[in-house]
Full PDB file with SEQRES, HELIX, SHEET, SSBOND, CRYST1, ORIGX, SCALE, CONECT and MASTER records, all heavy atoms in Angstrom:
SEQRES   1 A   35  PRO SER GLU ASP GLU LEU ASN ALA PHE ALA GLN SER GLN          
SEQRES   2 A   35  ASP GLU ASP PHE SER GLN GLN PRO ASN ASN PRO SER ASN          
SEQRES   3 A   35  ASN GLY GLN ALA SER GLN GLN SER LEU                          
HELIX    1 AA1 GLU A    3  PHE A    9  1                                   7    
HELIX    2 AA2 ALA A   30  SER A   34  1                                   5    
CRYST1    1.000    1.000    1.000  90.00  90.00  90.00 P 1           1          
ORIGX1      1.000000  0.000000  0.000000        0.00000                         
ORIGX2      0.000000  1.000000  0.000000        0.00000                         
ORIGX3      0.000000  0.000000  1.000000        0.00000                         
SCALE1      1.000000  0.000000  0.000000        0.00000                         
SCALE2      0.000000  1.000000  0.000000        0.00000                         
SCALE3      0.000000  0.000000  1.000000        0.00000                         
ATOM      1  N   PRO A   1     -33.621  -9.725  -4.798  1.00  0.00           N  
ATOM      2  CA  PRO A   1     -33.714  -9.643  -3.379  1.00  0.00           C  
ATOM      3  C   PRO A   1     -34.049  -8.243  -2.893  1.00  0.00           C  
ATOM      4  O   PRO A   1     -34.116  -7.270  -3.647  1.00  0.00           O  
ATOM      5  CB  PRO A   1     -32.284 -10.043  -2.880  1.00  0.00           C  
ATOM      6  CG  PRO A   1     -31.598 -10.604  -4.084  1.00  0.00           C  
ATOM      7  CD  PRO A   1     -32.265  -9.971  -5.277  1.00  0.00           C  
ATOM      8  N   SER A   2     -34.232  -8.104  -1.555  1.00  0.00           N  
ATOM      9  CA  SER A   2     -34.435  -6.807  -0.972  1.00  0.00           C  
ATOM     10  C   SER A   2     -33.227  -5.942  -1.091  1.00  0.00           C  
ATOM     11  O   SER A   2     -32.116  -6.462  -1.295  1.00  0.00           O  
ATOM     12  CB  SER A   2     -34.861  -6.926   0.481  1.00  0.00           C  
ATOM     13  OG  SER A   2     -33.754  -7.424   1.232  1.00  0.00           O  
ATOM     14  N   GLU A   3     -33.392  -4.646  -0.863  1.00  0.00           N  
ATOM     15  CA  GLU A   3     -32.254  -3.775  -0.975  1.00  0.00           C  
ATOM     16  C   GLU A   3     -31.223  -4.041   0.113  1.00  0.00           C  
ATOM     17  O   GLU A   3     -30.031  -3.913  -0.144  1.00  0.00           O  
ATOM     18  CB  GLU A   3     -32.746  -2.291  -0.842  1.00  0.00           C  
ATOM     19  CG  GLU A   3     -33.594  -1.833  -1.998  1.00  0.00           C  
ATOM     20  CD  GLU A   3     -32.897  -1.977  -3.333  1.00  0.00           C  
ATOM     21  OE1 GLU A   3     -31.735  -1.579  -3.418  1.00  0.00           O  
ATOM     22  OE2 GLU A   3     -33.510  -2.467  -4.305  1.00  0.00           O  
ATOM     23  N   ASP A   4     -31.628  -4.495   1.261  1.00  0.00           N  
ATOM     24  CA  ASP A   4     -30.671  -4.826   2.326  1.00  0.00           C  
ATOM     25  C   ASP A   4     -29.769  -6.004   1.899  1.00  0.00           C  
ATOM     26  O   ASP A   4     -28.607  -5.986   2.162  1.00  0.00           O  
ATOM     27  CB  ASP A   4     -31.397  -5.177   3.632  1.00  0.00           C  
ATOM     28  CG  ASP A   4     -32.064  -3.980   4.277  1.00  0.00           C  
ATOM     29  OD1 ASP A   4     -31.635  -2.819   3.964  1.00  0.00           O  
ATOM     30  OD2 ASP A   4     -32.975  -4.151   5.086  1.00  0.00           O  
ATOM     31  N   GLU A   5     -30.409  -7.019   1.277  1.00  0.00           N  
ATOM     32  CA  GLU A   5     -29.618  -8.145   0.816  1.00  0.00           C  
ATOM     33  C   GLU A   5     -28.638  -7.690  -0.334  1.00  0.00           C  
ATOM     34  O   GLU A   5     -27.516  -8.202  -0.408  1.00  0.00           O  
ATOM     35  CB  GLU A   5     -30.546  -9.258   0.325  1.00  0.00           C  
ATOM     36  CG  GLU A   5     -31.401  -9.903   1.383  1.00  0.00           C  
ATOM     37  CD  GLU A   5     -32.336 -10.946   0.834  1.00  0.00           C  
ATOM     38  OE1 GLU A   5     -33.413 -10.549   0.347  1.00  0.00           O  
ATOM     39  OE2 GLU A   5     -31.983 -12.133   0.835  1.00  0.00           O  
ATOM     40  N   LEU A   6     -29.111  -6.825  -1.191  1.00  0.00           N  
ATOM     41  CA  LEU A   6     -28.285  -6.374  -2.273  1.00  0.00           C  
ATOM     42  C   LEU A   6     -27.077  -5.558  -1.749  1.00  0.00           C  
ATOM     43  O   LEU A   6     -26.006  -5.679  -2.258  1.00  0.00           O  
ATOM     44  CB  LEU A   6     -29.081  -5.510  -3.264  1.00  0.00           C  
ATOM     45  CG  LEU A   6     -30.115  -6.267  -4.120  1.00  0.00           C  
ATOM     46  CD1 LEU A   6     -30.911  -5.266  -4.916  1.00  0.00           C  
ATOM     47  CD2 LEU A   6     -29.433  -7.268  -4.990  1.00  0.00           C  
ATOM     48  N   ASN A   7     -27.327  -4.828  -0.692  1.00  0.00           N  
ATOM     49  CA  ASN A   7     -26.233  -4.020  -0.133  1.00  0.00           C  
ATOM     50  C   ASN A   7     -25.120  -4.859   0.417  1.00  0.00           C  
ATOM     51  O   ASN A   7     -23.956  -4.473   0.462  1.00  0.00           O  
ATOM     52  CB  ASN A   7     -26.759  -3.078   0.980  1.00  0.00           C  
ATOM     53  CG  ASN A   7     -27.618  -1.962   0.413  1.00  0.00           C  
ATOM     54  OD1 ASN A   7     -27.479  -1.625  -0.766  1.00  0.00           O  
ATOM     55  ND2 ASN A   7     -28.490  -1.423   1.235  1.00  0.00           N  
ATOM     56  N   ALA A   8     -25.461  -6.086   0.881  1.00  0.00           N  
ATOM     57  CA  ALA A   8     -24.453  -6.990   1.355  1.00  0.00           C  
ATOM     58  C   ALA A   8     -23.500  -7.459   0.234  1.00  0.00           C  
ATOM     59  O   ALA A   8     -22.348  -7.800   0.530  1.00  0.00           O  
ATOM     60  CB  ALA A   8     -25.094  -8.229   2.016  1.00  0.00           C  
ATOM     61  N   PHE A   9     -24.013  -7.478  -0.975  1.00  0.00           N  
ATOM     62  CA  PHE A   9     -23.176  -7.862  -2.114  1.00  0.00           C  
ATOM     63  C   PHE A   9     -22.486  -6.680  -2.741  1.00  0.00           C  
ATOM     64  O   PHE A   9     -21.515  -6.835  -3.476  1.00  0.00           O  
ATOM     65  CB  PHE A   9     -24.085  -8.541  -3.156  1.00  0.00           C  
ATOM     66  CG  PHE A   9     -23.352  -9.038  -4.371  1.00  0.00           C  
ATOM     67  CD1 PHE A   9     -22.221  -9.865  -4.217  1.00  0.00           C  
ATOM     68  CD2 PHE A   9     -23.740  -8.759  -5.643  1.00  0.00           C  
ATOM     69  CE1 PHE A   9     -21.538 -10.366  -5.318  1.00  0.00           C  
ATOM     70  CE2 PHE A   9     -23.104  -9.280  -6.762  1.00  0.00           C  
ATOM     71  CZ  PHE A   9     -21.974 -10.051  -6.571  1.00  0.00           C  
ATOM     72  N   ALA A  10     -22.949  -5.445  -2.446  1.00  0.00           N  
ATOM     73  CA  ALA A  10     -22.340  -4.278  -3.025  1.00  0.00           C  
ATOM     74  C   ALA A  10     -20.967  -3.978  -2.420  1.00  0.00           C  
ATOM     75  O   ALA A  10     -20.671  -4.406  -1.332  1.00  0.00           O  
ATOM     76  CB  ALA A  10     -23.262  -3.061  -2.823  1.00  0.00           C  
ATOM     77  N   GLN A  11     -20.247  -3.203  -3.162  1.00  0.00           N  
ATOM     78  CA  GLN A  11     -18.917  -2.860  -2.668  1.00  0.00           C  
ATOM     79  C   GLN A  11     -18.991  -1.871  -1.511  1.00  0.00           C  
ATOM     80  O   GLN A  11     -19.922  -1.034  -1.417  1.00  0.00           O  
ATOM     81  CB  GLN A  11     -18.101  -2.204  -3.811  1.00  0.00           C  
ATOM     82  CG  GLN A  11     -17.921  -3.147  -4.973  1.00  0.00           C  
ATOM     83  CD  GLN A  11     -17.061  -2.473  -6.057  1.00  0.00           C  
ATOM     84  OE1 GLN A  11     -16.304  -1.586  -5.755  1.00  0.00           O  
ATOM     85  NE2 GLN A  11     -17.195  -2.915  -7.263  1.00  0.00           N  
ATOM     86  N   SER A  12     -18.013  -1.906  -0.604  1.00  0.00           N  
ATOM     87  CA  SER A  12     -17.982  -0.987   0.503  1.00  0.00           C  
ATOM     88  C   SER A  12     -16.562  -0.384   0.565  1.00  0.00           C  
ATOM     89  O   SER A  12     -15.640  -0.941   0.079  1.00  0.00           O  
ATOM     90  CB  SER A  12     -18.293  -1.724   1.848  1.00  0.00           C  
ATOM     91  OG  SER A  12     -17.340  -2.756   2.012  1.00  0.00           O  
ATOM     92  N   GLN A  13     -16.470   0.763   1.190  1.00  0.00           N  
ATOM     93  CA  GLN A  13     -15.209   1.425   1.308  1.00  0.00           C  
ATOM     94  C   GLN A  13     -14.469   0.876   2.554  1.00  0.00           C  
ATOM     95  O   GLN A  13     -14.987   0.482   3.526  1.00  0.00           O  
ATOM     96  CB  GLN A  13     -15.360   2.930   1.476  1.00  0.00           C  
ATOM     97  CG  GLN A  13     -16.023   3.564   0.231  1.00  0.00           C  
ATOM     98  CD  GLN A  13     -15.149   3.390  -0.968  1.00  0.00           C  
ATOM     99  OE1 GLN A  13     -13.904   3.557  -0.895  1.00  0.00           O  
ATOM    100  NE2 GLN A  13     -15.731   3.101  -2.100  1.00  0.00           N  
ATOM    101  N   ASP A  14     -13.125   0.958   2.489  1.00  0.00           N  
ATOM    102  CA  ASP A  14     -12.332   0.538   3.621  1.00  0.00           C  
ATOM    103  C   ASP A  14     -11.089   1.378   3.706  1.00  0.00           C  
ATOM    104  O   ASP A  14     -10.835   2.247   2.873  1.00  0.00           O  
ATOM    105  CB  ASP A  14     -11.976  -0.972   3.471  1.00  0.00           C  
ATOM    106  CG  ASP A  14     -11.738  -1.647   4.826  1.00  0.00           C  
ATOM    107  OD1 ASP A  14     -11.494  -0.927   5.777  1.00  0.00           O  
ATOM    108  OD2 ASP A  14     -11.788  -2.897   4.809  1.00  0.00           O  
ATOM    109  N   GLU A  15     -10.293   1.151   4.758  1.00  0.00           N  
ATOM    110  CA  GLU A  15      -9.142   1.995   5.009  1.00  0.00           C  
ATOM    111  C   GLU A  15      -8.059   1.743   3.975  1.00  0.00           C  
ATOM    112  O   GLU A  15      -8.004   0.708   3.347  1.00  0.00           O  
ATOM    113  CB  GLU A  15      -8.575   1.663   6.413  1.00  0.00           C  
ATOM    114  CG  GLU A  15      -8.115   0.286   6.579  1.00  0.00           C  
ATOM    115  CD  GLU A  15      -7.602   0.016   8.013  1.00  0.00           C  
ATOM    116  OE1 GLU A  15      -6.578   0.579   8.375  1.00  0.00           O  
ATOM    117  OE2 GLU A  15      -8.289  -0.767   8.714  1.00  0.00           O  
ATOM    118  N   ASP A  16      -7.196   2.719   3.821  1.00  0.00           N  
ATOM    119  CA  ASP A  16      -6.104   2.683   2.852  1.00  0.00           C  
ATOM    120  C   ASP A  16      -4.975   1.763   3.350  1.00  0.00           C  
ATOM    121  O   ASP A  16      -4.857   1.587   4.549  1.00  0.00           O  
ATOM    122  CB  ASP A  16      -5.566   4.101   2.580  1.00  0.00           C  
ATOM    123  CG  ASP A  16      -4.819   4.153   1.248  1.00  0.00           C  
ATOM    124  OD1 ASP A  16      -4.686   3.137   0.589  1.00  0.00           O  
ATOM    125  OD2 ASP A  16      -4.356   5.303   0.961  1.00  0.00           O  
ATOM    126  N   PHE A  17      -4.173   1.270   2.384  1.00  0.00           N  
ATOM    127  CA  PHE A  17      -3.050   0.440   2.755  1.00  0.00           C  
ATOM    128  C   PHE A  17      -1.915   1.413   3.169  1.00  0.00           C  
ATOM    129  O   PHE A  17      -1.544   2.313   2.511  1.00  0.00           O  
ATOM    130  CB  PHE A  17      -2.559  -0.312   1.532  1.00  0.00           C  
ATOM    131  CG  PHE A  17      -1.220  -1.020   1.705  1.00  0.00           C  
ATOM    132  CD1 PHE A  17      -1.032  -1.966   2.695  1.00  0.00           C  
ATOM    133  CD2 PHE A  17      -0.221  -0.756   0.842  1.00  0.00           C  
ATOM    134  CE1 PHE A  17       0.149  -2.571   2.807  1.00  0.00           C  
ATOM    135  CE2 PHE A  17       1.029  -1.381   0.943  1.00  0.00           C  
ATOM    136  CZ  PHE A  17       1.208  -2.315   1.958  1.00  0.00           C  
ATOM    137  N   SER A  18      -1.387   1.216   4.407  1.00  0.00           N  
ATOM    138  CA  SER A  18      -0.408   2.156   4.866  1.00  0.00           C  
ATOM    139  C   SER A  18       0.768   1.487   5.604  1.00  0.00           C  
ATOM    140  O   SER A  18       1.603   2.201   6.223  1.00  0.00           O  
ATOM    141  CB  SER A  18      -1.048   3.154   5.860  1.00  0.00           C  
ATOM    142  OG  SER A  18      -1.719   2.457   6.907  1.00  0.00           O  
ATOM    143  N   GLN A  19       0.853   0.176   5.603  1.00  0.00           N  
ATOM    144  CA  GLN A  19       1.866  -0.515   6.366  1.00  0.00           C  
ATOM    145  C   GLN A  19       3.219  -0.597   5.626  1.00  0.00           C  
ATOM    146  O   GLN A  19       4.260  -0.621   6.223  1.00  0.00           O  
ATOM    147  CB  GLN A  19       1.359  -1.920   6.769  1.00  0.00           C  
ATOM    148  CG  GLN A  19       0.152  -1.886   7.668  1.00  0.00           C  
ATOM    149  CD  GLN A  19       0.403  -1.128   8.925  1.00  0.00           C  
ATOM    150  OE1 GLN A  19       1.398  -1.300   9.580  1.00  0.00           O  
ATOM    151  NE2 GLN A  19      -0.593  -0.299   9.288  1.00  0.00           N  
ATOM    152  N   GLN A  20       3.115  -0.767   4.289  1.00  0.00           N  
ATOM    153  CA  GLN A  20       4.348  -0.912   3.540  1.00  0.00           C  
ATOM    154  C   GLN A  20       4.895   0.437   3.160  1.00  0.00           C  
ATOM    155  O   GLN A  20       4.171   1.419   2.914  1.00  0.00           O  
ATOM    156  CB  GLN A  20       4.087  -1.684   2.231  1.00  0.00           C  
ATOM    157  CG  GLN A  20       3.822  -3.167   2.499  1.00  0.00           C  
ATOM    158  CD  GLN A  20       5.080  -3.859   3.071  1.00  0.00           C  
ATOM    159  OE1 GLN A  20       6.173  -3.678   2.590  1.00  0.00           O  
ATOM    160  NE2 GLN A  20       4.852  -4.658   4.135  1.00  0.00           N  
ATOM    161  N   PRO A  21       6.193   0.614   3.102  1.00  0.00           N  
ATOM    162  CA  PRO A  21       6.813   1.857   2.693  1.00  0.00           C  
ATOM    163  C   PRO A  21       6.503   2.191   1.253  1.00  0.00           C  
ATOM    164  O   PRO A  21       6.376   1.315   0.446  1.00  0.00           O  
ATOM    165  CB  PRO A  21       8.330   1.679   2.909  1.00  0.00           C  
ATOM    166  CG  PRO A  21       8.502   0.189   2.784  1.00  0.00           C  
ATOM    167  CD  PRO A  21       7.254  -0.429   3.403  1.00  0.00           C  
ATOM    168  N   ASN A  22       6.334   3.466   0.980  1.00  0.00           N  
ATOM    169  CA  ASN A  22       6.087   3.907  -0.419  1.00  0.00           C  
ATOM    170  C   ASN A  22       7.387   3.917  -1.199  1.00  0.00           C  
ATOM    171  O   ASN A  22       8.165   4.848  -1.111  1.00  0.00           O  
ATOM    172  CB  ASN A  22       5.473   5.318  -0.370  1.00  0.00           C  
ATOM    173  CG  ASN A  22       5.016   5.746  -1.780  1.00  0.00           C  
ATOM    174  OD1 ASN A  22       5.217   5.063  -2.739  1.00  0.00           O  
ATOM    175  ND2 ASN A  22       4.426   6.963  -1.839  1.00  0.00           N  
ATOM    176  N   ASN A  23       7.586   2.833  -1.920  1.00  0.00           N  
ATOM    177  CA  ASN A  23       8.865   2.607  -2.619  1.00  0.00           C  
ATOM    178  C   ASN A  23       8.604   2.394  -4.066  1.00  0.00           C  
ATOM    179  O   ASN A  23       8.331   1.286  -4.480  1.00  0.00           O  
ATOM    180  CB  ASN A  23       9.594   1.410  -1.996  1.00  0.00           C  
ATOM    181  CG  ASN A  23      10.936   1.186  -2.690  1.00  0.00           C  
ATOM    182  OD1 ASN A  23      11.425   2.018  -3.427  1.00  0.00           O  
ATOM    183  ND2 ASN A  23      11.519   0.011  -2.476  1.00  0.00           N  
ATOM    184  N   PRO A  24       8.646   3.458  -4.931  1.00  0.00           N  
ATOM    185  CA  PRO A  24       8.346   3.286  -6.300  1.00  0.00           C  
ATOM    186  C   PRO A  24       9.454   2.669  -7.149  1.00  0.00           C  
ATOM    187  O   PRO A  24       9.287   2.407  -8.337  1.00  0.00           O  
ATOM    188  CB  PRO A  24       8.071   4.695  -6.790  1.00  0.00           C  
ATOM    189  CG  PRO A  24       8.870   5.555  -5.860  1.00  0.00           C  
ATOM    190  CD  PRO A  24       8.917   4.814  -4.588  1.00  0.00           C  
ATOM    191  N   SER A  25      10.635   2.436  -6.593  1.00  0.00           N  
ATOM    192  CA  SER A  25      11.702   1.942  -7.360  1.00  0.00           C  
ATOM    193  C   SER A  25      11.649   0.451  -7.598  1.00  0.00           C  
ATOM    194  O   SER A  25      11.388  -0.335  -6.655  1.00  0.00           O  
ATOM    195  CB  SER A  25      13.025   2.244  -6.644  1.00  0.00           C  
ATOM    196  OG  SER A  25      13.101   1.570  -5.403  1.00  0.00           O  
ATOM    197  N   ASN A  26      11.649   0.037  -8.841  1.00  0.00           N  
ATOM    198  CA  ASN A  26      11.667  -1.370  -9.223  1.00  0.00           C  
ATOM    199  C   ASN A  26      12.170  -1.504 -10.602  1.00  0.00           C  
ATOM    200  O   ASN A  26      12.523  -0.530 -11.276  1.00  0.00           O  
ATOM    201  CB  ASN A  26      10.218  -1.953  -9.084  1.00  0.00           C  
ATOM    202  CG  ASN A  26       9.163  -1.121  -9.843  1.00  0.00           C  
ATOM    203  OD1 ASN A  26       9.278  -0.944 -11.032  1.00  0.00           O  
ATOM    204  ND2 ASN A  26       8.268  -0.547  -9.093  1.00  0.00           N  
ATOM    205  N   ASN A  27      12.181  -2.699 -11.150  1.00  0.00           N  
ATOM    206  CA  ASN A  27      12.745  -2.930 -12.420  1.00  0.00           C  
ATOM    207  C   ASN A  27      11.800  -2.611 -13.559  1.00  0.00           C  
ATOM    208  O   ASN A  27      12.218  -2.602 -14.742  1.00  0.00           O  
ATOM    209  CB  ASN A  27      13.218  -4.380 -12.547  1.00  0.00           C  
ATOM    210  CG  ASN A  27      14.344  -4.655 -11.560  1.00  0.00           C  
ATOM    211  OD1 ASN A  27      15.172  -3.808 -11.262  1.00  0.00           O  
ATOM    212  ND2 ASN A  27      14.363  -5.870 -10.983  1.00  0.00           N  
ATOM    213  N   GLY A  28      10.526  -2.454 -13.280  1.00  0.00           N  
ATOM    214  CA  GLY A  28       9.561  -2.241 -14.373  1.00  0.00           C  
ATOM    215  C   GLY A  28       9.623  -0.848 -14.939  1.00  0.00           C  
ATOM    216  O   GLY A  28       9.828   0.125 -14.216  1.00  0.00           O  
ATOM    217  N   GLN A  29       9.471  -0.720 -16.248  1.00  0.00           N  
ATOM    218  CA  GLN A  29       9.526   0.567 -16.905  1.00  0.00           C  
ATOM    219  C   GLN A  29       8.232   0.901 -17.649  1.00  0.00           C  
ATOM    220  O   GLN A  29       7.694   2.007 -17.476  1.00  0.00           O  
ATOM    221  CB  GLN A  29      10.684   0.622 -17.883  1.00  0.00           C  
ATOM    222  CG  GLN A  29      12.091   0.502 -17.183  1.00  0.00           C  
ATOM    223  CD  GLN A  29      12.386   1.664 -16.299  1.00  0.00           C  
ATOM    224  OE1 GLN A  29      12.035   2.803 -16.614  1.00  0.00           O  
ATOM    225  NE2 GLN A  29      12.997   1.407 -15.162  1.00  0.00           N  
ATOM    226  N   ALA A  30       7.711  -0.038 -18.389  1.00  0.00           N  
ATOM    227  CA  ALA A  30       6.571   0.278 -19.219  1.00  0.00           C  
ATOM    228  C   ALA A  30       5.354   0.662 -18.409  1.00  0.00           C  
ATOM    229  O   ALA A  30       4.620   1.631 -18.777  1.00  0.00           O  
ATOM    230  CB  ALA A  30       6.247  -0.973 -20.120  1.00  0.00           C  
ATOM    231  N   SER A  31       5.031  -0.060 -17.339  1.00  0.00           N  
ATOM    232  CA  SER A  31       3.851   0.272 -16.575  1.00  0.00           C  
ATOM    233  C   SER A  31       4.028   1.607 -15.813  1.00  0.00           C  
ATOM    234  O   SER A  31       3.035   2.335 -15.633  1.00  0.00           O  
ATOM    235  CB  SER A  31       3.544  -0.843 -15.560  1.00  0.00           C  
ATOM    236  OG  SER A  31       4.653  -1.089 -14.739  1.00  0.00           O  
ATOM    237  N   GLN A  32       5.271   1.909 -15.423  1.00  0.00           N  
ATOM    238  CA  GLN A  32       5.447   3.194 -14.778  1.00  0.00           C  
ATOM    239  C   GLN A  32       5.272   4.342 -15.763  1.00  0.00           C  
ATOM    240  O   GLN A  32       4.620   5.363 -15.486  1.00  0.00           O  
ATOM    241  CB  GLN A  32       6.874   3.252 -14.166  1.00  0.00           C  
ATOM    242  CG  GLN A  32       7.056   2.420 -12.891  1.00  0.00           C  
ATOM    243  CD  GLN A  32       8.373   2.712 -12.266  1.00  0.00           C  
ATOM    244  OE1 GLN A  32       8.696   3.835 -11.910  1.00  0.00           O  
ATOM    245  NE2 GLN A  32       9.187   1.690 -12.078  1.00  0.00           N  
ATOM    246  N   GLN A  33       5.827   4.192 -16.956  1.00  0.00           N  
ATOM    247  CA  GLN A  33       5.773   5.225 -17.963  1.00  0.00           C  
ATOM    248  C   GLN A  33       4.340   5.378 -18.522  1.00  0.00           C  
ATOM    249  O   GLN A  33       3.831   6.529 -18.726  1.00  0.00           O  
ATOM    250  CB  GLN A  33       6.740   4.946 -19.086  1.00  0.00           C  
ATOM    251  CG  GLN A  33       8.209   5.067 -18.698  1.00  0.00           C  
ATOM    252  CD  GLN A  33       9.143   4.629 -19.813  1.00  0.00           C  
ATOM    253  OE1 GLN A  33       8.658   4.262 -20.864  1.00  0.00           O  
ATOM    254  NE2 GLN A  33      10.439   4.662 -19.534  1.00  0.00           N  
ATOM    255  N   SER A  34       3.699   4.272 -18.749  1.00  0.00           N  
ATOM    256  CA  SER A  34       2.376   4.281 -19.415  1.00  0.00           C  
ATOM    257  C   SER A  34       1.203   4.382 -18.456  1.00  0.00           C  
ATOM    258  O   SER A  34       0.164   4.991 -18.786  1.00  0.00           O  
ATOM    259  CB  SER A  34       2.192   3.030 -20.275  1.00  0.00           C  
ATOM    260  OG  SER A  34       3.128   3.010 -21.277  1.00  0.00           O  
ATOM    261  N   LEU A  35       1.324   3.870 -17.240  1.00  0.00           N  
ATOM    262  CA  LEU A  35       0.250   3.831 -16.285  1.00  0.00           C  
ATOM    263  C   LEU A  35       0.474   4.723 -15.087  1.00  0.00           C  
ATOM    264  O   LEU A  35      -0.431   5.124 -14.414  1.00  0.00           O  
ATOM    265  CB  LEU A  35      -0.020   2.408 -15.762  1.00  0.00           C  
ATOM    266  CG  LEU A  35      -0.527   1.416 -16.850  1.00  0.00           C  
ATOM    267  CD1 LEU A  35      -0.660   0.001 -16.187  1.00  0.00           C  
ATOM    268  CD2 LEU A  35      -1.809   1.837 -17.491  1.00  0.00           C  
TER     269      LEU A  35                                                      
MASTER        0    0    0    2    0    0    0    6  268    1    0    3          
END                                                                             
């Protein structure tokens, strides 16, 4: 397709998630330590 059509399928930037409180406490350990 044309570049305009391809741009519609391409990724776009958007605003950050800011509604939920930043709460890192949870029961998971492996993903926190490794990731």
